[in-house]
Amino acid sequence: MVRGVIIKTENAAPTPVELTSFTASISLNKVNLNWQTATELNNQGFEIQRKLENSDWATIGFRTGKGTTTEPTSYFYEDDISEISATKLLYRLKQIDFDGTVSYSDVVEVVTQPFDYTLLQNYPNPFNPVTIIKYEVPQISNVKIEVFDILGRVVKVLVDEEKTPGRYEIKFDASSLASGIYYYRIKANEFVQTKKMMLIK
């Protein structure tokens, strides 16, 4: 976290944008970035940049600045990381003045490894005939995911193997099944969770 520090610049003179905080938090597959300025002078805006392990910085978004203001200003950016498999992400802000002067914030780090077992609701739901099921495993676990019909009979075993910590997704093709309500259940070590889904043909 950065507090009460003037944003760093590439030249000797400090950029007159006072960044009072820059934080990152993760919730499921979203990283929430929040930052606040105490004052701004000629601030065109902020590029949001992300870096994966062993990769270069990449710009993933932009937030327009307030130009010149002495009022505290809060900014927010949500990064969808559902397609990213890295266990650690780095973020920084590239602040740009109207004259093209560029400066960078300190870097914040986000560890994306799950802290809890989670079975997410399938998407889409209702579906026909394919849906995606996502789940999260915080430690090495023997994972079993099964699909049941409304009578409790197993109609499909989707996963039955040891998994390392991480976020996973499965494509479930129900082409051979009849329309109706089905249940899918995860067993991972001592964790058990069941959710309902609906197949409509």
N, C-alpha and C. Protein backbone atom coordinates (compact mmCIF):
# COMPACT_ATOMS: atom_id res chain seq x y z
N MET A 1 0.84 -1.18 0.00
CA MET A 1 0.00 0.00 0.00
C MET A 1 0.87 1.23 0.00
N VAL A 2 0.49 2.26 -0.77
CA VAL A 2 1.22 3.50 -0.85
C VAL A 2 0.40 4.56 -0.12
N ARG A 3 1.00 5.29 0.80
CA ARG A 3 0.25 6.31 1.53
C ARG A 3 1.05 7.61 1.59
N GLY A 4 0.41 8.72 1.21
CA GLY A 4 1.00 10.03 1.36
C GLY A 4 2.29 10.22 0.62
N VAL A 5 2.44 9.58 -0.53
CA VAL A 5 3.68 9.67 -1.30
C VAL A 5 3.38 10.30 -2.65
N ILE A 6 4.20 11.27 -3.04
CA ILE A 6 4.03 11.83 -4.38
C ILE A 6 4.44 10.78 -5.38
N ILE A 7 3.63 10.64 -6.40
CA ILE A 7 3.85 9.59 -7.39
C ILE A 7 5.23 9.75 -8.02
N LYS A 8 5.90 8.64 -8.28
CA LYS A 8 7.27 8.66 -8.79
C LYS A 8 7.29 9.09 -10.26
N THR A 9 8.29 9.83 -10.64
CA THR A 9 8.41 10.29 -12.02
C THR A 9 9.74 9.87 -12.61
N GLU A 10 9.78 9.84 -13.94
CA GLU A 10 11.01 9.40 -14.61
C GLU A 10 12.06 10.50 -14.64
N ASN A 11 11.63 11.79 -14.49
CA ASN A 11 12.62 12.85 -14.47
C ASN A 11 12.84 13.31 -13.03
N ALA A 12 13.66 14.31 -12.84
CA ALA A 12 14.06 14.69 -11.49
C ALA A 12 12.95 15.40 -10.73
N ALA A 13 12.11 16.14 -11.43
CA ALA A 13 11.07 16.91 -10.76
C ALA A 13 9.87 16.04 -10.42
N PRO A 14 9.31 16.19 -9.22
CA PRO A 14 8.15 15.39 -8.87
C PRO A 14 6.91 15.83 -9.64
N THR A 15 6.11 14.86 -10.03
CA THR A 15 4.86 15.16 -10.70
C THR A 15 3.86 15.66 -9.67
N PRO A 16 3.15 16.74 -9.97
CA PRO A 16 2.23 17.30 -8.97
C PRO A 16 0.90 16.55 -8.89
N VAL A 17 0.98 15.25 -8.75
CA VAL A 17 -0.19 14.42 -8.45
C VAL A 17 0.15 13.65 -7.19
N GLU A 18 -0.55 13.95 -6.10
CA GLU A 18 -0.24 13.30 -4.83
C GLU A 18 -1.14 12.08 -4.65
N LEU A 19 -0.54 10.90 -4.77
CA LEU A 19 -1.26 9.65 -4.61
C LEU A 19 -1.21 9.26 -3.13
N THR A 20 -2.37 9.21 -2.49
CA THR A 20 -2.39 8.93 -1.05
C THR A 20 -2.61 7.46 -0.73
N SER A 21 -3.16 6.70 -1.69
CA SER A 21 -3.30 5.26 -1.47
C SER A 21 -3.45 4.55 -2.80
N PHE A 22 -2.98 3.30 -2.83
CA PHE A 22 -3.15 2.45 -4.01
C PHE A 22 -3.19 1.02 -3.49
N THR A 23 -4.37 0.37 -3.57
CA THR A 23 -4.54 -0.96 -3.00
C THR A 23 -5.17 -1.90 -4.01
N ALA A 24 -4.98 -3.18 -3.77
CA ALA A 24 -5.56 -4.22 -4.62
C ALA A 24 -6.12 -5.32 -3.73
N SER A 25 -7.30 -5.83 -4.09
CA SER A 25 -7.89 -6.95 -3.37
C SER A 25 -8.50 -7.90 -4.39
N ILE A 26 -8.65 -9.16 -4.01
CA ILE A 26 -9.17 -10.15 -4.94
C ILE A 26 -10.43 -10.78 -4.38
N SER A 27 -11.41 -10.99 -5.26
CA SER A 27 -12.65 -11.66 -4.90
C SER A 27 -13.03 -12.58 -6.05
N LEU A 28 -12.94 -13.89 -5.80
CA LEU A 28 -13.16 -14.89 -6.85
C LEU A 28 -12.27 -14.58 -8.04
N ASN A 29 -12.84 -14.25 -9.20
CA ASN A 29 -12.04 -14.02 -10.40
C ASN A 29 -11.89 -12.54 -10.74
N LYS A 30 -12.03 -11.68 -9.76
CA LYS A 30 -11.91 -10.24 -9.98
C LYS A 30 -10.86 -9.67 -9.05
N VAL A 31 -9.99 -8.81 -9.61
CA VAL A 31 -9.07 -8.03 -8.80
C VAL A 31 -9.59 -6.59 -8.79
N ASN A 32 -9.82 -6.06 -7.60
CA ASN A 32 -10.33 -4.70 -7.44
C ASN A 32 -9.19 -3.77 -7.07
N LEU A 33 -8.95 -2.78 -7.92
CA LEU A 33 -7.90 -1.79 -7.68
C LEU A 33 -8.55 -0.48 -7.25
N ASN A 34 -8.06 0.10 -6.17
CA ASN A 34 -8.56 1.37 -5.67
C ASN A 34 -7.39 2.30 -5.42
N TRP A 35 -7.52 3.55 -5.84
CA TRP A 35 -6.50 4.53 -5.50
C TRP A 35 -7.14 5.89 -5.30
N GLN A 36 -6.43 6.75 -4.58
CA GLN A 36 -6.95 8.07 -4.25
C GLN A 36 -5.84 9.09 -4.36
N THR A 37 -6.22 10.25 -4.88
CA THR A 37 -5.29 11.38 -4.94
C THR A 37 -5.76 12.46 -3.99
N ALA A 38 -4.80 13.19 -3.39
CA ALA A 38 -5.13 14.34 -2.54
C ALA A 38 -5.26 15.59 -3.39
N THR A 39 -4.38 15.74 -4.35
CA THR A 39 -4.42 16.88 -5.29
C THR A 39 -3.99 16.40 -6.66
N GLU A 40 -4.41 17.13 -7.70
CA GLU A 40 -3.99 16.83 -9.07
C GLU A 40 -3.73 18.13 -9.81
N LEU A 41 -2.73 18.12 -10.68
CA LEU A 41 -2.40 19.27 -11.51
C LEU A 41 -2.11 18.80 -12.93
N ASN A 42 -2.96 19.23 -13.88
CA ASN A 42 -2.80 18.85 -15.29
C ASN A 42 -2.78 17.33 -15.47
N ASN A 43 -3.62 16.64 -14.73
CA ASN A 43 -3.63 15.17 -14.79
C ASN A 43 -4.61 14.69 -15.87
N GLN A 44 -4.04 14.16 -16.97
CA GLN A 44 -4.88 13.62 -18.04
C GLN A 44 -5.54 12.32 -17.60
N GLY A 45 -4.78 11.47 -16.89
CA GLY A 45 -5.38 10.23 -16.42
C GLY A 45 -4.35 9.19 -16.07
N PHE A 46 -4.87 7.98 -15.79
CA PHE A 46 -4.04 6.87 -15.35
C PHE A 46 -4.22 5.67 -16.26
N GLU A 47 -3.12 5.15 -16.78
CA GLU A 47 -3.16 3.83 -17.40
C GLU A 47 -2.99 2.80 -16.29
N ILE A 48 -3.83 1.76 -16.32
CA ILE A 48 -3.67 0.66 -15.37
C ILE A 48 -2.84 -0.41 -16.05
N GLN A 49 -1.75 -0.80 -15.41
CA GLN A 49 -0.84 -1.78 -16.01
C GLN A 49 -0.73 -3.01 -15.13
N ARG A 50 -0.64 -4.16 -15.79
CA ARG A 50 -0.54 -5.45 -15.10
C ARG A 50 0.67 -6.21 -15.62
N LYS A 51 1.29 -6.95 -14.71
CA LYS A 51 2.45 -7.77 -15.08
C LYS A 51 2.27 -9.16 -14.50
N LEU A 52 2.36 -10.17 -15.35
CA LEU A 52 2.36 -11.55 -14.89
C LEU A 52 3.81 -11.96 -14.64
N GLU A 53 3.99 -13.04 -13.91
CA GLU A 53 5.33 -13.54 -13.68
C GLU A 53 6.01 -13.84 -15.03
N ASN A 54 7.26 -13.42 -15.15
CA ASN A 54 8.05 -13.67 -16.37
C ASN A 54 7.42 -13.05 -17.61
N SER A 55 6.79 -11.89 -17.46
CA SER A 55 6.23 -11.19 -18.62
C SER A 55 6.48 -9.69 -18.46
N ASP A 56 6.19 -8.94 -19.53
CA ASP A 56 6.36 -7.49 -19.50
C ASP A 56 5.09 -6.82 -19.00
N TRP A 57 5.20 -5.55 -18.63
CA TRP A 57 4.03 -4.78 -18.23
C TRP A 57 3.10 -4.59 -19.43
N ALA A 58 1.80 -4.72 -19.19
CA ALA A 58 0.80 -4.53 -20.24
C ALA A 58 -0.29 -3.60 -19.73
N THR A 59 -0.72 -2.67 -20.58
CA THR A 59 -1.81 -1.77 -20.21
C THR A 59 -3.14 -2.48 -20.38
N ILE A 60 -3.96 -2.47 -19.31
CA ILE A 60 -5.24 -3.19 -19.35
C ILE A 60 -6.43 -2.25 -19.22
N GLY A 61 -6.18 -0.98 -18.95
CA GLY A 61 -7.31 -0.06 -18.81
C GLY A 61 -6.84 1.37 -18.63
N PHE A 62 -7.81 2.30 -18.57
CA PHE A 62 -7.49 3.72 -18.41
C PHE A 62 -8.59 4.40 -17.61
N ARG A 63 -8.20 5.30 -16.72
CA ARG A 63 -9.16 6.12 -15.99
C ARG A 63 -8.79 7.58 -16.19
N THR A 64 -9.75 8.38 -16.66
CA THR A 64 -9.52 9.79 -16.92
C THR A 64 -9.32 10.54 -15.61
N GLY A 65 -8.30 11.41 -15.58
CA GLY A 65 -8.02 12.19 -14.38
C GLY A 65 -8.93 13.39 -14.26
N LYS A 66 -8.76 14.15 -13.19
CA LYS A 66 -9.60 15.32 -12.93
C LYS A 66 -8.97 16.61 -13.43
N GLY A 67 -7.84 16.49 -14.15
CA GLY A 67 -7.18 17.71 -14.61
C GLY A 67 -6.45 18.36 -13.46
N THR A 68 -6.99 19.48 -13.01
CA THR A 68 -6.42 20.18 -11.86
C THR A 68 -7.49 20.31 -10.78
N THR A 69 -7.19 19.80 -9.60
CA THR A 69 -8.13 19.87 -8.48
C THR A 69 -7.37 19.77 -7.18
N THR A 70 -7.91 20.42 -6.15
CA THR A 70 -7.34 20.29 -4.81
C THR A 70 -8.23 19.40 -3.94
N GLU A 71 -9.29 18.83 -4.54
CA GLU A 71 -10.18 17.95 -3.81
C GLU A 71 -9.70 16.50 -3.89
N PRO A 72 -9.80 15.73 -2.81
CA PRO A 72 -9.46 14.31 -2.88
C PRO A 72 -10.34 13.59 -3.90
N THR A 73 -9.74 12.70 -4.68
CA THR A 73 -10.46 11.99 -5.73
C THR A 73 -10.18 10.50 -5.63
N SER A 74 -11.23 9.70 -5.72
CA SER A 74 -11.09 8.25 -5.64
C SER A 74 -11.29 7.63 -7.01
N TYR A 75 -10.52 6.58 -7.30
CA TYR A 75 -10.61 5.87 -8.57
C TYR A 75 -10.75 4.38 -8.29
N PHE A 76 -11.34 3.69 -9.28
CA PHE A 76 -11.59 2.26 -9.13
C PHE A 76 -11.43 1.58 -10.48
N TYR A 77 -10.87 0.37 -10.46
CA TYR A 77 -10.78 -0.45 -11.67
C TYR A 77 -10.92 -1.91 -11.28
N GLU A 78 -11.74 -2.65 -12.05
CA GLU A 78 -11.95 -4.08 -11.80
C GLU A 78 -11.32 -4.88 -12.93
N ASP A 79 -10.44 -5.79 -12.58
CA ASP A 79 -9.74 -6.62 -13.56
C ASP A 79 -10.26 -8.05 -13.49
N ASP A 80 -10.83 -8.52 -14.59
CA ASP A 80 -11.33 -9.90 -14.67
C ASP A 80 -10.16 -10.82 -14.99
N ILE A 81 -9.83 -11.70 -14.05
CA ILE A 81 -8.67 -12.59 -14.24
C ILE A 81 -9.11 -14.04 -14.43
N SER A 82 -10.36 -14.25 -14.84
CA SER A 82 -10.87 -15.62 -14.97
C SER A 82 -10.11 -16.43 -16.01
N GLU A 83 -9.49 -15.77 -16.99
CA GLU A 83 -8.74 -16.49 -18.02
C GLU A 83 -7.24 -16.54 -17.73
N ILE A 84 -6.84 -16.08 -16.56
CA ILE A 84 -5.42 -16.01 -16.21
C ILE A 84 -5.10 -17.09 -15.19
N SER A 85 -4.04 -17.84 -15.43
CA SER A 85 -3.69 -18.96 -14.54
C SER A 85 -2.52 -18.65 -13.63
N ALA A 86 -1.96 -17.44 -13.70
CA ALA A 86 -0.81 -17.08 -12.86
C ALA A 86 -1.21 -17.06 -11.40
N THR A 87 -0.25 -17.38 -10.52
CA THR A 87 -0.52 -17.37 -9.08
C THR A 87 -0.17 -16.04 -8.43
N LYS A 88 0.52 -15.15 -9.17
CA LYS A 88 0.86 -13.84 -8.63
C LYS A 88 0.76 -12.80 -9.74
N LEU A 89 0.12 -11.67 -9.44
CA LEU A 89 -0.03 -10.59 -10.40
C LEU A 89 0.50 -9.30 -9.79
N LEU A 90 1.11 -8.47 -10.61
CA LEU A 90 1.61 -7.17 -10.18
C LEU A 90 0.84 -6.08 -10.93
N TYR A 91 0.55 -4.99 -10.22
CA TYR A 91 -0.17 -3.86 -10.82
C TYR A 91 0.56 -2.56 -10.50
N ARG A 92 0.47 -1.61 -11.44
CA ARG A 92 0.97 -0.26 -11.19
C ARG A 92 0.14 0.73 -12.00
N LEU A 93 0.26 2.00 -11.65
CA LEU A 93 -0.43 3.08 -12.36
C LEU A 93 0.58 3.90 -13.15
N LYS A 94 0.27 4.17 -14.39
CA LYS A 94 1.08 5.06 -15.22
C LYS A 94 0.30 6.36 -15.35
N GLN A 95 0.74 7.39 -14.63
CA GLN A 95 0.04 8.67 -14.64
C GLN A 95 0.57 9.53 -15.77
N ILE A 96 -0.34 10.13 -16.54
CA ILE A 96 0.02 10.91 -17.73
C ILE A 96 -0.51 12.33 -17.59
N ASP A 97 0.39 13.32 -17.72
CA ASP A 97 -0.01 14.72 -17.73
C ASP A 97 -0.47 15.13 -19.13
N PHE A 98 -1.15 16.26 -19.22
CA PHE A 98 -1.59 16.76 -20.53
C PHE A 98 -0.41 17.11 -21.43
N ASP A 99 0.76 17.40 -20.84
CA ASP A 99 1.93 17.71 -21.67
C ASP A 99 2.72 16.46 -22.05
N GLY A 100 2.19 15.27 -21.67
CA GLY A 100 2.85 14.02 -22.03
C GLY A 100 3.81 13.48 -21.00
N THR A 101 4.04 14.24 -19.91
CA THR A 101 4.92 13.74 -18.85
C THR A 101 4.32 12.47 -18.24
N VAL A 102 5.16 11.48 -18.04
CA VAL A 102 4.72 10.17 -17.56
C VAL A 102 5.37 9.86 -16.23
N SER A 103 4.62 9.29 -15.31
CA SER A 103 5.16 8.87 -14.02
C SER A 103 4.45 7.60 -13.56
N TYR A 104 5.08 6.88 -12.63
CA TYR A 104 4.56 5.58 -12.21
C TYR A 104 4.36 5.52 -10.71
N SER A 105 3.35 4.79 -10.30
CA SER A 105 3.12 4.53 -8.89
C SER A 105 4.03 3.40 -8.42
N ASP A 106 4.01 3.17 -7.12
CA ASP A 106 4.62 1.94 -6.61
C ASP A 106 3.81 0.75 -7.10
N VAL A 107 4.39 -0.43 -6.99
CA VAL A 107 3.75 -1.66 -7.48
C VAL A 107 3.02 -2.35 -6.33
N VAL A 108 1.80 -2.83 -6.61
CA VAL A 108 1.09 -3.67 -5.63
C VAL A 108 1.02 -5.09 -6.18
N GLU A 109 1.07 -6.04 -5.26
CA GLU A 109 1.11 -7.46 -5.64
C GLU A 109 -0.16 -8.15 -5.17
N VAL A 110 -0.67 -9.05 -6.01
CA VAL A 110 -1.85 -9.82 -5.67
C VAL A 110 -1.52 -11.30 -5.85
N VAL A 111 -1.75 -12.08 -4.80
CA VAL A 111 -1.58 -13.53 -4.88
C VAL A 111 -2.94 -14.13 -5.22
N THR A 112 -3.00 -14.84 -6.34
CA THR A 112 -4.30 -15.30 -6.85
C THR A 112 -4.65 -16.72 -6.44
N GLN A 113 -3.75 -17.39 -5.73
CA GLN A 113 -4.05 -18.76 -5.30
C GLN A 113 -5.25 -18.74 -4.37
N PRO A 114 -6.23 -19.59 -4.58
CA PRO A 114 -7.43 -19.59 -3.74
C PRO A 114 -7.10 -19.88 -2.28
N PHE A 115 -7.90 -19.27 -1.38
CA PHE A 115 -7.74 -19.50 0.05
C PHE A 115 -8.73 -20.55 0.56
N ASP A 116 -9.78 -20.79 -0.21
CA ASP A 116 -10.83 -21.72 0.22
C ASP A 116 -11.26 -22.59 -0.95
N TYR A 117 -11.85 -23.73 -0.61
CA TYR A 117 -12.52 -24.53 -1.63
C TYR A 117 -13.78 -23.80 -2.08
N THR A 118 -14.03 -23.78 -3.38
CA THR A 118 -15.21 -23.10 -3.91
C THR A 118 -15.73 -23.85 -5.12
N LEU A 119 -17.04 -24.03 -5.17
CA LEU A 119 -17.72 -24.54 -6.36
C LEU A 119 -18.63 -23.44 -6.85
N LEU A 120 -18.37 -22.95 -8.05
CA LEU A 120 -19.14 -21.82 -8.58
C LEU A 120 -20.37 -22.30 -9.35
N GLN A 121 -21.35 -21.40 -9.47
CA GLN A 121 -22.53 -21.73 -10.24
C GLN A 121 -22.16 -21.87 -11.71
N ASN A 122 -22.70 -22.91 -12.35
CA ASN A 122 -22.38 -23.12 -13.77
C ASN A 122 -22.90 -21.96 -14.61
N TYR A 123 -22.28 -21.77 -15.76
CA TYR A 123 -22.68 -20.69 -16.67
C TYR A 123 -22.55 -21.17 -18.10
N PRO A 124 -23.54 -20.96 -18.98
CA PRO A 124 -24.84 -20.39 -18.63
C PRO A 124 -25.72 -21.38 -17.88
N ASN A 125 -26.75 -20.86 -17.27
CA ASN A 125 -27.71 -21.69 -16.55
C ASN A 125 -29.06 -20.95 -16.55
N PRO A 126 -30.09 -21.50 -17.16
CA PRO A 126 -30.19 -22.79 -17.86
C PRO A 126 -29.26 -22.86 -19.08
N PHE A 127 -29.02 -24.10 -19.56
CA PHE A 127 -28.09 -24.27 -20.67
C PHE A 127 -28.60 -25.31 -21.66
N ASN A 128 -28.02 -25.29 -22.85
CA ASN A 128 -28.37 -26.26 -23.90
C ASN A 128 -27.30 -26.26 -24.98
N PRO A 129 -26.55 -27.35 -25.17
CA PRO A 129 -26.41 -28.47 -24.22
C PRO A 129 -25.12 -28.38 -23.41
N VAL A 130 -24.35 -27.26 -23.59
CA VAL A 130 -23.03 -27.18 -22.96
C VAL A 130 -23.02 -26.06 -21.92
N THR A 131 -22.38 -26.32 -20.79
CA THR A 131 -22.22 -25.31 -19.75
C THR A 131 -20.82 -25.43 -19.15
N ILE A 132 -20.38 -24.38 -18.47
CA ILE A 132 -19.06 -24.35 -17.85
C ILE A 132 -19.21 -24.38 -16.33
N ILE A 133 -18.44 -25.25 -15.69
CA ILE A 133 -18.41 -25.35 -14.24
C ILE A 133 -17.00 -24.99 -13.77
N LYS A 134 -16.91 -24.01 -12.86
CA LYS A 134 -15.62 -23.59 -12.33
C LYS A 134 -15.52 -23.94 -10.85
N TYR A 135 -14.29 -24.25 -10.42
CA TYR A 135 -14.07 -24.55 -9.01
C TYR A 135 -12.67 -24.14 -8.62
N GLU A 136 -12.46 -24.01 -7.31
CA GLU A 136 -11.17 -23.55 -6.79
C GLU A 136 -10.68 -24.50 -5.70
N VAL A 137 -9.38 -24.75 -5.72
CA VAL A 137 -8.76 -25.68 -4.78
C VAL A 137 -7.57 -24.98 -4.12
N PRO A 138 -7.56 -24.81 -2.79
CA PRO A 138 -6.48 -24.07 -2.13
C PRO A 138 -5.24 -24.90 -1.79
N GLN A 139 -5.35 -26.23 -1.87
CA GLN A 139 -4.22 -27.11 -1.54
C GLN A 139 -4.34 -28.39 -2.35
N ILE A 140 -3.27 -29.18 -2.38
CA ILE A 140 -3.31 -30.44 -3.11
C ILE A 140 -4.45 -31.29 -2.57
N SER A 141 -5.34 -31.72 -3.48
CA SER A 141 -6.56 -32.40 -3.04
C SER A 141 -6.95 -33.47 -4.04
N ASN A 142 -7.57 -34.53 -3.53
CA ASN A 142 -8.24 -35.50 -4.39
C ASN A 142 -9.63 -34.95 -4.69
N VAL A 143 -9.85 -34.59 -5.94
CA VAL A 143 -11.08 -33.90 -6.34
C VAL A 143 -11.96 -34.83 -7.16
N LYS A 144 -13.24 -34.88 -6.78
CA LYS A 144 -14.22 -35.63 -7.56
C LYS A 144 -15.44 -34.74 -7.78
N ILE A 145 -15.81 -34.58 -9.06
CA ILE A 145 -17.00 -33.81 -9.40
C ILE A 145 -17.92 -34.70 -10.22
N GLU A 146 -19.14 -34.88 -9.71
CA GLU A 146 -20.12 -35.74 -10.36
C GLU A 146 -21.40 -34.98 -10.64
N VAL A 147 -22.11 -35.42 -11.67
CA VAL A 147 -23.42 -34.87 -12.02
C VAL A 147 -24.48 -35.92 -11.71
N PHE A 148 -25.56 -35.49 -11.04
CA PHE A 148 -26.63 -36.39 -10.64
C PHE A 148 -27.95 -35.95 -11.28
N ASP A 149 -28.83 -36.92 -11.55
CA ASP A 149 -30.18 -36.54 -11.97
C ASP A 149 -31.02 -36.27 -10.73
N ILE A 150 -32.28 -35.93 -10.93
CA ILE A 150 -33.14 -35.53 -9.81
C ILE A 150 -33.42 -36.68 -8.85
N LEU A 151 -33.18 -37.92 -9.29
CA LEU A 151 -33.37 -39.09 -8.43
C LEU A 151 -32.10 -39.47 -7.67
N GLY A 152 -31.02 -38.71 -7.90
CA GLY A 152 -29.78 -38.96 -7.19
C GLY A 152 -28.85 -39.95 -7.86
N ARG A 153 -29.16 -40.31 -9.11
CA ARG A 153 -28.29 -41.24 -9.84
C ARG A 153 -27.16 -40.48 -10.53
N VAL A 154 -25.95 -41.03 -10.48
CA VAL A 154 -24.81 -40.40 -11.14
C VAL A 154 -24.96 -40.57 -12.66
N VAL A 155 -24.97 -39.46 -13.39
CA VAL A 155 -25.09 -39.52 -14.84
C VAL A 155 -23.77 -39.17 -15.54
N LYS A 156 -22.83 -38.55 -14.78
CA LYS A 156 -21.55 -38.20 -15.39
C LYS A 156 -20.53 -37.89 -14.29
N VAL A 157 -19.32 -38.44 -14.45
CA VAL A 157 -18.19 -38.08 -13.58
C VAL A 157 -17.31 -37.13 -14.38
N LEU A 158 -17.20 -35.88 -13.92
CA LEU A 158 -16.45 -34.85 -14.66
C LEU A 158 -14.97 -34.81 -14.27
N VAL A 159 -14.69 -35.02 -13.00
CA VAL A 159 -13.31 -34.99 -12.49
C VAL A 159 -13.17 -36.08 -11.44
N ASP A 160 -12.05 -36.78 -11.47
CA ASP A 160 -11.75 -37.77 -10.43
C ASP A 160 -10.24 -37.96 -10.40
N GLU A 161 -9.53 -36.98 -9.81
CA GLU A 161 -8.07 -37.02 -9.81
C GLU A 161 -7.51 -36.03 -8.80
N GLU A 162 -6.23 -36.14 -8.55
CA GLU A 162 -5.56 -35.20 -7.64
C GLU A 162 -5.31 -33.89 -8.37
N LYS A 163 -5.60 -32.78 -7.68
CA LYS A 163 -5.41 -31.45 -8.26
C LYS A 163 -4.48 -30.64 -7.37
N THR A 164 -3.63 -29.83 -7.99
CA THR A 164 -2.79 -28.89 -7.27
C THR A 164 -3.58 -27.60 -7.02
N PRO A 165 -3.13 -26.73 -6.12
CA PRO A 165 -3.87 -25.50 -5.85
C PRO A 165 -4.07 -24.67 -7.12
N GLY A 166 -5.27 -24.12 -7.27
CA GLY A 166 -5.54 -23.30 -8.44
C GLY A 166 -7.02 -23.17 -8.73
N ARG A 167 -7.30 -22.51 -9.85
CA ARG A 167 -8.66 -22.31 -10.33
C ARG A 167 -8.84 -23.15 -11.60
N TYR A 168 -9.95 -23.85 -11.67
CA TYR A 168 -10.19 -24.77 -12.78
C TYR A 168 -11.57 -24.55 -13.37
N GLU A 169 -11.73 -24.99 -14.61
CA GLU A 169 -13.06 -24.99 -15.21
C GLU A 169 -13.22 -26.23 -16.08
N ILE A 170 -14.45 -26.72 -16.15
CA ILE A 170 -14.79 -27.92 -16.91
C ILE A 170 -15.93 -27.57 -17.86
N LYS A 171 -15.85 -28.10 -19.06
CA LYS A 171 -16.97 -27.97 -20.00
C LYS A 171 -17.81 -29.23 -19.90
N PHE A 172 -19.07 -29.07 -19.54
CA PHE A 172 -19.98 -30.19 -19.38
C PHE A 172 -20.95 -30.21 -20.57
N ASP A 173 -20.86 -31.28 -21.37
CA ASP A 173 -21.72 -31.46 -22.54
C ASP A 173 -22.83 -32.45 -22.19
N ALA A 174 -24.06 -31.94 -22.14
CA ALA A 174 -25.20 -32.77 -21.75
C ALA A 174 -26.05 -33.18 -22.95
N SER A 175 -25.42 -33.32 -24.11
CA SER A 175 -26.16 -33.67 -25.33
C SER A 175 -26.95 -34.96 -25.19
N SER A 176 -26.40 -35.90 -24.42
CA SER A 176 -27.04 -37.22 -24.31
C SER A 176 -28.10 -37.29 -23.21
N LEU A 177 -28.30 -36.20 -22.51
CA LEU A 177 -29.24 -36.21 -21.39
C LEU A 177 -30.56 -35.53 -21.76
N ALA A 178 -31.60 -35.87 -21.04
CA ALA A 178 -32.91 -35.27 -21.26
C ALA A 178 -33.00 -33.93 -20.54
N SER A 179 -33.90 -33.09 -20.98
CA SER A 179 -34.14 -31.81 -20.31
C SER A 179 -34.55 -32.06 -18.86
N GLY A 180 -34.18 -31.12 -17.99
CA GLY A 180 -34.58 -31.25 -16.60
C GLY A 180 -33.57 -30.64 -15.65
N ILE A 181 -33.81 -30.86 -14.37
CA ILE A 181 -32.94 -30.34 -13.32
C ILE A 181 -31.88 -31.40 -12.98
N TYR A 182 -30.65 -30.95 -12.86
CA TYR A 182 -29.53 -31.82 -12.48
C TYR A 182 -28.75 -31.15 -11.34
N TYR A 183 -28.00 -31.96 -10.64
CA TYR A 183 -27.16 -31.46 -9.55
C TYR A 183 -25.71 -31.84 -9.83
N TYR A 184 -24.79 -30.96 -9.48
CA TYR A 184 -23.37 -31.32 -9.57
C TYR A 184 -22.72 -31.10 -8.21
N ARG A 185 -21.85 -32.03 -7.83
CA ARG A 185 -21.27 -32.04 -6.50
C ARG A 185 -19.76 -32.19 -6.57
N ILE A 186 -19.08 -31.42 -5.74
CA ILE A 186 -17.63 -31.55 -5.61
C ILE A 186 -17.31 -32.16 -4.26
N LYS A 187 -16.39 -33.11 -4.28
CA LYS A 187 -15.78 -33.64 -3.06
C LYS A 187 -14.28 -33.42 -3.20
N ALA A 188 -13.71 -32.66 -2.27
CA ALA A 188 -12.27 -32.38 -2.30
C ALA A 188 -11.76 -32.49 -0.87
N ASN A 189 -11.02 -33.55 -0.58
CA ASN A 189 -10.63 -33.86 0.79
C ASN A 189 -11.89 -33.91 1.66
N GLU A 190 -12.03 -33.05 2.65
CA GLU A 190 -13.21 -33.08 3.51
C GLU A 190 -14.31 -32.13 3.04
N PHE A 191 -14.04 -31.39 1.97
CA PHE A 191 -15.00 -30.39 1.50
C PHE A 191 -16.01 -31.02 0.54
N VAL A 192 -17.29 -30.74 0.77
CA VAL A 192 -18.36 -31.22 -0.11
C VAL A 192 -19.33 -30.07 -0.37
N GLN A 193 -19.68 -29.85 -1.64
CA GLN A 193 -20.66 -28.81 -1.97
C GLN A 193 -21.44 -29.24 -3.21
N THR A 194 -22.73 -28.92 -3.23
CA THR A 194 -23.61 -29.30 -4.33
C THR A 194 -24.35 -28.07 -4.85
N LYS A 195 -24.51 -27.99 -6.17
CA LYS A 195 -25.29 -26.92 -6.78
C LYS A 195 -26.24 -27.49 -7.83
N LYS A 196 -27.28 -26.73 -8.13
CA LYS A 196 -28.32 -27.16 -9.06
C LYS A 196 -28.16 -26.46 -10.40
N MET A 197 -28.46 -27.19 -11.49
CA MET A 197 -28.44 -26.58 -12.82
C MET A 197 -29.61 -27.13 -13.62
N MET A 198 -29.96 -26.41 -14.68
CA MET A 198 -31.12 -26.79 -15.48
C MET A 198 -30.76 -26.90 -16.95
N LEU A 199 -31.07 -28.08 -17.51
CA LEU A 199 -30.85 -28.36 -18.94
C LEU A 199 -32.18 -28.16 -19.67
N ILE A 200 -32.16 -27.28 -20.67
CA ILE A 200 -33.37 -27.03 -21.46
C ILE A 200 -33.05 -27.27 -22.93
N LYS A 201 -33.75 -28.21 -23.54
CA LYS A 201 -33.52 -28.52 -24.96
C LYS A 201 -34.74 -28.11 -25.78
